[in-house]
C-alpha atoms as a PDB file:
ATOM      1  CA  MET A   1    -190.119 143.057  63.163  1.00  0.00           C
ATOM      2  CA  ILE A   2    -188.399 143.688  66.505  1.00  0.00           C
ATOM      3  CA  LYS A   3    -184.987 143.473  64.854  1.00  0.00           C
ATOM      4  CA  LEU A   4    -186.050 146.004  62.202  1.00  0.00           C
ATOM      5  CA  ILE A   5    -187.104 148.440  64.919  1.00  0.00           C
ATOM      6  CA  ALA A   6    -183.731 147.868  66.591  1.00  0.00           C
ATOM      7  CA  TYR A   7    -181.804 149.429  63.670  1.00  0.00           C
ATOM      8  CA  PRO A   8    -183.008 153.053  64.038  1.00  0.00           C
ATOM      9  CA  LEU A   9    -183.048 152.801  67.834  1.00  0.00           C
ATOM     10  CA  THR A  10    -179.460 151.560  67.792  1.00  0.00           C
ATOM     11  CA  CYS A  11    -178.413 154.515  65.628  1.00  0.00           C
ATOM     12  CA  ILE A  12    -179.991 156.903  68.126  1.00  0.00           C
ATOM     13  CA  TYR A  13    -178.429 155.060  71.063  1.00  0.00           C
ATOM     14  CA  LEU A  14    -174.929 154.976  69.553  1.00  0.00           C
ATOM     15  CA  SER A  15    -175.097 158.704  68.794  1.00  0.00           C
ATOM     16  CA  CYS A  16    -176.074 159.429  72.387  1.00  0.00           C
ATOM     17  CA  PHE A  17    -173.499 156.972  73.772  1.00  0.00           C
ATOM     18  CA  SER A  18    -170.689 158.513  71.722  1.00  0.00           C
ATOM     19  CA  ALA A  19    -171.690 162.044  72.697  1.00  0.00           C
ATOM     20  CA  ILE A  20    -171.612 161.134  76.393  1.00  0.00           C
ATOM     21  CA  LEU A  21    -168.111 159.683  76.108  1.00  0.00           C
ATOM     22  CA  LEU A  22    -166.827 162.698  74.196  1.00  0.00           C
ATOM     23  CA  ILE A  23    -168.386 165.202  76.606  1.00  0.00           C
ATOM     24  CA  PHE A  24    -167.108 163.529  79.762  1.00  0.00           C
ATOM     25  CA  HIS A  25    -163.551 162.977  78.525  1.00  0.00           C
ATOM     26  CA  PRO A  26    -162.424 166.615  79.020  1.00  0.00           C
ATOM     27  CA  ILE A  27    -164.566 166.858  82.150  1.00  0.00           C
ATOM     28  CA  GLN A  28    -162.651 163.929  83.650  1.00  0.00           C
ATOM     29  CA  TRP A  29    -159.322 165.450  82.653  1.00  0.00           C
ATOM     30  CA  LEU A  30    -160.239 168.798  84.193  1.00  0.00           C
ATOM     31  CA  CYS A  31    -161.555 167.265  87.410  1.00  0.00           C
ATOM     32  CA  LEU A  32    -158.515 165.050  87.911  1.00  0.00           C
ATOM     33  CA  ASN A  33    -155.862 167.615  87.067  1.00  0.00           C
ATOM     34  CA  THR A  34    -157.502 170.564  88.811  1.00  0.00           C
ATOM     35  CA  PHE A  35    -159.349 169.154  91.799  1.00  0.00           C
ATOM     36  CA  GLY A  36    -157.945 165.647  92.344  1.00  0.00           C
ATOM     37  CA  TYR A  37    -159.283 162.146  92.892  1.00  0.00           C
ATOM     38  CA  HIS A  38    -162.652 162.855  94.499  1.00  0.00           C
ATOM     39  CA  ALA A  39    -163.732 165.324  91.826  1.00  0.00           C
ATOM     40  CA  HIS A  40    -162.615 162.883  89.140  1.00  0.00           C
ATOM     41  CA  LYS A  41    -164.524 160.104  90.836  1.00  0.00           C
ATOM     42  CA  LYS A  42    -167.685 162.229  90.845  1.00  0.00           C
ATOM     43  CA  SER A  43    -167.297 162.848  87.130  1.00  0.00           C
ATOM     44  CA  VAL A  44    -166.954 159.095  86.548  1.00  0.00           C
ATOM     45  CA  ASP A  45    -170.064 158.452  88.645  1.00  0.00           C
ATOM     46  CA  TYR A  46    -172.158 160.814  86.543  1.00  0.00           C
ATOM     47  CA  LEU A  47    -170.626 159.525  83.327  1.00  0.00           C
ATOM     48  CA  ASN A  48    -171.868 156.059  84.197  1.00  0.00           C
ATOM     49  CA  CYS A  49    -175.240 157.364  85.343  1.00  0.00           C
ATOM     50  CA  CYS A  50    -175.646 158.851  81.871  1.00  0.00           C
ATOM     51  CA  LEU A  51    -174.537 155.594  80.230  1.00  0.00           C
ATOM     52  CA  VAL A  52    -177.070 153.662  82.307  1.00  0.00           C
ATOM     53  CA  ARG A  53    -179.858 156.064  81.337  1.00  0.00           C
ATOM     54  CA  CYS A  54    -178.756 156.080  77.710  1.00  0.00           C
ATOM     55  CA  LEU A  55    -179.697 152.401  77.428  1.00  0.00           C
ATOM     56  CA  HIS A  56    -183.312 153.377  78.098  1.00  0.00           C
ATOM     57  CA  LEU A  57    -183.318 154.493  74.457  1.00  0.00           C
ATOM     58  CA  LEU A  58    -183.231 150.783  73.595  1.00  0.00           C
ATOM     59  CA  GLY A  59    -186.123 150.049  75.919  1.00  0.00           C
ATOM     60  CA  VAL A  60    -183.761 148.617  78.527  1.00  0.00           C
ATOM     61  CA  ARG A  61    -184.984 148.425  82.123  1.00  0.00           C
ATOM     62  CA  TYR A  62    -182.939 147.841  85.263  1.00  0.00           C
ATOM     63  CA  THR A  63    -183.581 146.084  88.533  1.00  0.00           C
ATOM     64  CA  PHE A  64    -180.633 146.507  90.874  1.00  0.00           C
ATOM     65  CA  SER A  65    -181.451 144.586  94.044  1.00  0.00           C
ATOM     66  CA  ASN A  66    -179.078 145.515  96.855  1.00  0.00           C
ATOM     67  CA  PRO A  67    -180.815 144.704 100.149  1.00  0.00           C
ATOM     68  CA  HIS A  68    -177.604 144.837 102.195  1.00  0.00           C
ATOM     69  CA  GLN A  69    -176.011 147.759 103.994  1.00  0.00           C
ATOM     70  CA  ILE A  70    -172.425 147.575 102.771  1.00  0.00           C
ATOM     71  CA  PRO A  71    -169.918 149.497 104.910  1.00  0.00           C
ATOM     72  CA  THR A  72    -167.645 152.033 103.264  1.00  0.00           C
ATOM     73  CA  ASP A  73    -164.886 151.922 105.875  1.00  0.00           C
ATOM     74  CA  ARG A  74    -163.282 148.693 104.681  1.00  0.00           C
ATOM     75  CA  PRO A  75    -162.175 147.311 101.302  1.00  0.00           C
ATOM     76  CA  THR A  76    -164.457 145.063  99.267  1.00  0.00           C
ATOM     77  CA  ILE A  77    -164.061 142.548  96.477  1.00  0.00           C
ATOM     78  CA  ILE A  78    -167.000 142.451  94.072  1.00  0.00           C
ATOM     79  CA  VAL A  79    -167.283 139.134  92.229  1.00  0.00           C
ATOM     80  CA  SER A  80    -169.723 138.798  89.349  1.00  0.00           C
ATOM     81  CA  ASN A  81    -170.601 136.829  86.266  1.00  0.00           C
ATOM     82  CA  HIS A  82    -170.058 138.751  83.035  1.00  0.00           C
ATOM     83  CA  GLN A  83    -172.507 138.984  80.128  1.00  0.00           C
ATOM     84  CA  SER A  84    -171.716 142.226  78.272  1.00  0.00           C
ATOM     85  CA  MET A  85    -170.037 145.620  78.466  1.00  0.00           C
ATOM     86  CA  ASN A  86    -173.340 146.857  79.880  1.00  0.00           C
ATOM     87  CA  ASP A  87    -172.598 145.070  83.154  1.00  0.00           C
ATOM     88  CA  ILE A  88    -170.099 147.760  84.083  1.00  0.00           C
ATOM     89  CA  PRO A  89    -171.902 151.153  84.208  1.00  0.00           C
ATOM     90  CA  PRO A  90    -174.637 149.893  86.598  1.00  0.00           C
ATOM     91  CA  ILE A  91    -172.016 148.501  88.997  1.00  0.00           C
ATOM     92  CA  ILE A  92    -170.135 151.805  88.980  1.00  0.00           C
ATOM     93  CA  TRP A  93    -173.298 153.881  89.410  1.00  0.00           C
ATOM     94  CA  PHE A  94    -175.406 151.834  91.824  1.00  0.00           C
ATOM     95  CA  LEU A  95    -172.402 150.852  93.995  1.00  0.00           C
ATOM     96  CA  ARG A  96    -170.640 154.202  93.691  1.00  0.00           C
ATOM     97  CA  LYS A  97    -170.219 154.534  97.461  1.00  0.00           C
ATOM     98  CA  GLN A  98    -167.857 151.546  97.311  1.00  0.00           C
ATOM     99  CA  HIS A  99    -165.564 153.216  94.713  1.00  0.00           C
ATOM    100  CA  PRO A 100    -165.522 150.282  92.235  1.00  0.00           C
ATOM    101  CA  LYS A 101    -162.214 149.714  90.394  1.00  0.00           C
ATOM    102  CA  PHE A 102    -161.780 147.115  87.682  1.00  0.00           C
ATOM    103  CA  ILE A 103    -159.334 144.502  86.494  1.00  0.00           C
ATOM    104  CA  SER A 104    -159.406 145.089  82.732  1.00  0.00           C
ATOM    105  CA  LYS A 105    -157.477 143.944  79.697  1.00  0.00           C
ATOM    106  CA  LYS A 106    -154.811 146.386  78.534  1.00  0.00           C
ATOM    107  CA  GLU A 107    -156.484 146.868  75.133  1.00  0.00           C
ATOM    108  CA  LEU A 108    -159.204 148.939  76.832  1.00  0.00           C
ATOM    109  CA  GLY A 109    -156.612 151.414  78.095  1.00  0.00           C
ATOM    110  CA  LYS A 110    -156.448 153.346  74.849  1.00  0.00           C
ATOM    111  CA  GLY A 111    -158.699 154.527  72.062  1.00  0.00           C
ATOM    112  CA  ILE A 112    -162.011 154.817  73.935  1.00  0.00           C
ATOM    113  CA  PRO A 113    -162.889 158.363  75.063  1.00  0.00           C
ATOM    114  CA  SER A 114    -163.669 158.623  78.796  1.00  0.00           C
ATOM    115  CA  VAL A 115    -163.455 154.853  79.360  1.00  0.00           C
ATOM    116  CA  SER A 116    -159.738 154.492  78.608  1.00  0.00           C
ATOM    117  CA  PHE A 117    -158.916 157.654  80.560  1.00  0.00           C
ATOM    118  CA  ASN A 118    -160.725 156.381  83.644  1.00  0.00           C
ATOM    119  CA  LEU A 119    -159.111 152.949  83.445  1.00  0.00           C
ATOM    120  CA  ARG A 120    -155.658 154.519  83.240  1.00  0.00           C
ATOM    121  CA  HIS A 121    -156.102 157.241  85.859  1.00  0.00           C
ATOM    122  CA  GLY A 122    -159.030 156.254  88.092  1.00  0.00           C
ATOM    123  CA  GLY A 123    -157.403 153.474  90.128  1.00  0.00           C
ATOM    124  CA  SER A 124    -158.198 150.388  88.039  1.00  0.00           C
ATOM    125  CA  VAL A 125    -155.563 148.022  86.636  1.00  0.00           C
ATOM    126  CA  LEU A 126    -154.872 147.069  83.024  1.00  0.00           C
ATOM    127  CA  ILE A 127    -153.347 143.636  82.516  1.00  0.00           C
ATOM    128  CA  ASP A 128    -151.771 141.845  79.581  1.00  0.00           C
ATOM    129  CA  ARG A 129    -153.333 138.397  79.427  1.00  0.00           C
ATOM    130  CA  LYS A 130    -150.335 137.118  77.440  1.00  0.00           C
ATOM    131  CA  GLN A 131    -147.993 137.914  80.336  1.00  0.00           C
ATOM    132  CA  ALA A 132    -149.312 135.852  83.226  1.00  0.00           C
ATOM    133  CA  VAL A 133    -146.524 136.592  85.704  1.00  0.00           C
ATOM    134  CA  LYS A 134    -146.648 140.345  85.148  1.00  0.00           C
ATOM    135  CA  SER A 135    -150.452 140.298  85.304  1.00  0.00           C
ATOM    136  CA  ILE A 136    -150.377 138.752  88.759  1.00  0.00           C
ATOM    137  CA  LYS A 137    -147.824 141.333  89.891  1.00  0.00           C
ATOM    138  CA  ASP A 138    -150.029 144.118  88.567  1.00  0.00           C
ATOM    139  CA  ILE A 139    -153.037 142.657  90.389  1.00  0.00           C
ATOM    140  CA  GLU A 140    -151.005 142.529  93.606  1.00  0.00           C
ATOM    141  CA  GLU A 141    -150.191 146.235  93.319  1.00  0.00           C
ATOM    142  CA  PHE A 142    -153.824 146.957  92.475  1.00  0.00           C
ATOM    143  CA  ALA A 143    -154.947 145.034  95.572  1.00  0.00           C
ATOM    144  CA  GLN A 144    -152.639 147.116  97.733  1.00  0.00           C
ATOM    145  CA  ARG A 145    -154.255 150.320  96.408  1.00  0.00           C
ATOM    146  CA  VAL A 146    -157.711 148.916  97.119  1.00  0.00           C
ATOM    147  CA  GLN A 147    -156.642 147.897 100.618  1.00  0.00           C
ATOM    148  CA  LYS A 148    -155.108 151.297 101.382  1.00  0.00           C
ATOM    149  CA  ASN A 149    -158.067 153.353 100.151  1.00  0.00           C
ATOM    150  CA  ASN A 150    -160.991 151.092 101.169  1.00  0.00           C
ATOM    151  CA  TRP A 151    -162.087 150.809  97.553  1.00  0.00           C
ATOM    152  CA  ALA A 152    -163.887 147.930  95.824  1.00  0.00           C
ATOM    153  CA  ALA A 153    -161.980 145.642  93.466  1.00  0.00           C
ATOM    154  CA  VAL A 154    -164.325 144.315  90.773  1.00  0.00           C
ATOM    155  CA  ILE A 155    -163.431 141.036  89.099  1.00  0.00           C
ATOM    156  CA  PHE A 156    -165.238 138.868  86.546  1.00  0.00           C
ATOM    157  CA  PRO A 157    -163.658 135.445  87.212  1.00  0.00           C
ATOM    158  CA  GLU A 158    -165.071 133.880  84.039  1.00  0.00           C
ATOM    159  CA  GLY A 159    -162.351 135.829  82.225  1.00  0.00           C
ATOM    160  CA  THR A 160    -164.584 136.757  79.304  1.00  0.00           C
ATOM    161  CA  ARG A 161    -168.226 137.518  78.777  1.00  0.00           C
ATOM    162  CA  SER A 162    -170.906 134.915  78.194  1.00  0.00           C
ATOM    163  CA  ARG A 163    -172.543 135.588  74.838  1.00  0.00           C
ATOM    164  CA  ASP A 164    -175.705 133.611  75.635  1.00  0.00           C
ATOM    165  CA  GLY A 165    -176.065 134.169  79.382  1.00  0.00           C
ATOM    166  CA  ASN A 166    -174.811 130.713  80.334  1.00  0.00           C
ATOM    167  CA  PRO A 167    -172.017 131.131  82.910  1.00  0.00           C
ATOM    168  CA  LYS A 168    -168.494 129.891  82.276  1.00  0.00           C
ATOM    169  CA  PRO A 169    -166.257 128.190  84.871  1.00  0.00           C
ATOM    170  CA  PHE A 170    -164.458 130.577  87.215  1.00  0.00           C
ATOM    171  CA  LYS A 171    -160.740 131.131  86.794  1.00  0.00           C
ATOM    172  CA  THR A 172    -159.491 131.540  90.327  1.00  0.00           C
ATOM    173  CA  LYS A 173    -155.906 132.837  90.112  1.00  0.00           C
ATOM    174  CA  GLY A 174    -156.734 136.550  89.970  1.00  0.00           C
ATOM    175  CA  LEU A 175    -159.420 136.275  92.633  1.00  0.00           C
ATOM    176  CA  LEU A 176    -157.122 134.351  94.971  1.00  0.00           C
ATOM    177  CA  THR A 177    -154.462 137.019  94.472  1.00  0.00           C
ATOM    178  CA  LEU A 178    -156.928 139.724  95.493  1.00  0.00           C
ATOM    179  CA  MET A 179    -158.018 137.726  98.524  1.00  0.00           C
ATOM    180  CA  HIS A 180    -154.437 137.105  99.615  1.00  0.00           C
ATOM    181  CA  HIS A 181    -153.551 140.805  99.473  1.00  0.00           C
ATOM    182  CA  ILE A 182    -156.842 142.166 100.874  1.00  0.00           C
ATOM    183  CA  PRO A 183    -157.363 139.741 103.792  1.00  0.00           C
ATOM    184  CA  ASN A 184    -159.852 141.991 105.621  1.00  0.00           C
ATOM    185  CA  ALA A 185    -162.111 142.481 102.584  1.00  0.00           C
ATOM    186  CA  LEU A 186    -165.827 141.942 102.379  1.00  0.00           C
ATOM    187  CA  VAL A 187    -166.511 139.750  99.358  1.00  0.00           C
ATOM    188  CA  ILE A 188    -169.704 140.727  97.544  1.00  0.00           C
ATOM    189  CA  PRO A 189    -171.144 138.304  94.958  1.00  0.00           C
ATOM    190  CA  ILE A 190    -173.416 139.672  92.229  1.00  0.00           C
ATOM    191  CA  SER A 191    -175.587 137.702  89.810  1.00  0.00           C
ATOM    192  CA  ILE A 192    -176.291 139.466  86.508  1.00  0.00           C
ATOM    193  CA  ASN A 193    -179.117 138.428  84.222  1.00  0.00           C
ATOM    194  CA  ASN A 194    -180.166 139.452  80.702  1.00  0.00           C
ATOM    195  CA  SER A 195    -177.281 141.832  80.001  1.00  0.00           C
ATOM    196  CA  TRP A 196    -176.236 139.569  77.109  1.00  0.00           C
ATOM    197  CA  LYS A 197    -179.532 140.318  75.384  1.00  0.00           C
ATOM    198  CA  THR A 198    -178.366 143.854  74.595  1.00  0.00           C
ATOM    199  CA  LEU A 199    -175.858 142.237  72.206  1.00  0.00           C
ATOM    200  CA  LYS A 200    -177.858 139.229  71.079  1.00  0.00           C
ATOM    201  CA  TYR A 201    -177.688 140.340  67.413  1.00  0.00           C
ATOM    202  CA  GLY A 202    -174.067 141.481  67.729  1.00  0.00           C
ATOM    203  CA  LYS A 203    -172.951 145.088  68.010  1.00  0.00           C
ATOM    204  CA  PHE A 204    -175.387 146.295  65.329  1.00  0.00           C
ATOM    205  CA  PRO A 205    -178.235 146.347  65.748  1.00  0.00           C
ATOM    206  CA  MET A 206    -178.359 146.037  69.499  1.00  0.00           C
ATOM    207  CA  GLY A 207    -181.020 144.062  71.298  1.00  0.00           C
ATOM    208  CA  ILE A 208    -183.950 146.079  72.543  1.00  0.00           C
ATOM    209  CA  GLY A 209    -186.366 145.741  75.442  1.00  0.00           C
ATOM    210  CA  ALA A 210    -184.067 143.761  77.763  1.00  0.00           C
ATOM    211  CA  HIS A 211    -184.698 143.775  81.505  1.00  0.00           C
ATOM    212  CA  LEU A 212    -181.252 143.805  83.138  1.00  0.00           C
ATOM    213  CA  LYS A 213    -181.317 142.339  86.625  1.00  0.00           C
ATOM    214  CA  PHE A 214    -178.521 142.672  89.179  1.00  0.00           C
ATOM    215  CA  LEU A 215    -178.799 140.761  92.446  1.00  0.00           C
ATOM    216  CA  VAL A 216    -176.306 141.724  95.156  1.00  0.00           C
ATOM    217  CA  HIS A 217    -175.886 138.807  97.533  1.00  0.00           C
ATOM    218  CA  LYS A 218    -175.059 138.986 101.212  1.00  0.00           C
ATOM    219  CA  PRO A 219    -171.392 139.942 101.707  1.00  0.00           C
ATOM    220  CA  HIS A 220    -168.915 137.403 103.070  1.00  0.00           C
ATOM    221  CA  ASP A 221    -166.248 138.417 105.572  1.00  0.00           C
ATOM    222  CA  LEU A 222    -163.068 137.052 104.016  1.00  0.00           C
ATOM    223  CA  SER A 223    -161.290 136.869 107.372  1.00  0.00           C
ATOM    224  CA  GLN A 224    -163.830 134.239 108.475  1.00  0.00           C
ATOM    225  CA  HIS A 225    -163.338 131.908 105.501  1.00  0.00           C
ATOM    226  CA  ASP A 226    -160.765 129.822 103.699  1.00  0.00           C
ATOM    227  CA  PRO A 227    -160.322 131.596 100.337  1.00  0.00           C
ATOM    228  CA  ASN A 228    -160.531 128.459  98.189  1.00  0.00           C
ATOM    229  CA  ALA A 229    -163.656 127.230  99.938  1.00  0.00           C
ATOM    230  CA  LEU A 230    -165.192 130.692  99.745  1.00  0.00           C
ATOM    231  CA  ILE A 231    -164.661 130.853  95.970  1.00  0.00           C
ATOM    232  CA  VAL A 232    -166.553 127.575  95.574  1.00  0.00           C
ATOM    233  CA  THR A 233    -169.386 128.969  97.675  1.00  0.00           C
ATOM    234  CA  ILE A 234    -169.489 132.261  95.774  1.00  0.00           C
ATOM    235  CA  GLU A 235    -169.404 130.621  92.358  1.00  0.00           C
ATOM    236  CA  LYS A 236    -172.368 128.428  93.280  1.00  0.00           C
ATOM    237  CA  GLN A 237    -174.224 131.361  94.820  1.00  0.00           C
ATOM    238  CA  ILE A 238    -173.806 133.503  91.712  1.00  0.00           C
ATOM    239  CA  LYS A 239    -174.639 130.762  89.220  1.00  0.00           C
ATOM    240  CA  ASP A 240    -177.663 129.514  91.143  1.00  0.00           C
ATOM    241  CA  HIS A 241    -179.285 132.872  90.427  1.00  0.00           C
ATOM    242  CA  ILE A 242    -178.501 133.101  86.720  1.00  0.00           C
ATOM    243  CA  TYR A 243    -181.346 132.305  84.371  1.00  0.00           C
ATOM    244  CA  ASN A 244    -182.652 133.213  80.948  1.00  0.00           C
ATOM    245  CA  ASP A 245    -186.173 134.626  80.999  1.00  0.00           C
END
């Protein structure tokens, strides 16, 4: 019965989702080319606010627990588990003061209104997973931009999303590269729960009624830790707070 209800709700959601992307694409272009980075960033913030609210059409609720005062005058590295594409808009919106930028696969850099434009022009980095050496070089250049501008580099070390909520082992090369090139960063772990349920049937219909929970853990000062040891600590911290309810 729930799955049957999901079909019409998904149609409504996808119509709204597509409209948001199409509306904000020219807005982004205008903001970037007329007013510069900060205006473009504002447009991206509100784009992702709309995407977050759009999921309410599927009965989705959010709890974004961020009990920590995170400074904006130094770069950060946000490390999170990854369960679905719906992990991303809440991070951009609820942590917008940190200017989140993403390490994404190059395939996302074209063909998706608003999303591809932002990935190409908003400060993120697009990598080719088949070219490991070049990918690391691209991440190094990305880290330098984050360092210079006091942005937040967002990385999902699992490398791909978990389709059932169960976390995958962390791949550490990209994260270590970020840490090496942003030595004064605050490292912020985030545990995400239930995002996978929005895609539990696949892309159509979408899952309805999920309660997405984001827990922002206490930041770690990278300068006070050995990077390899810190990754072990962060991985355990994130995974200890992942559950299926």
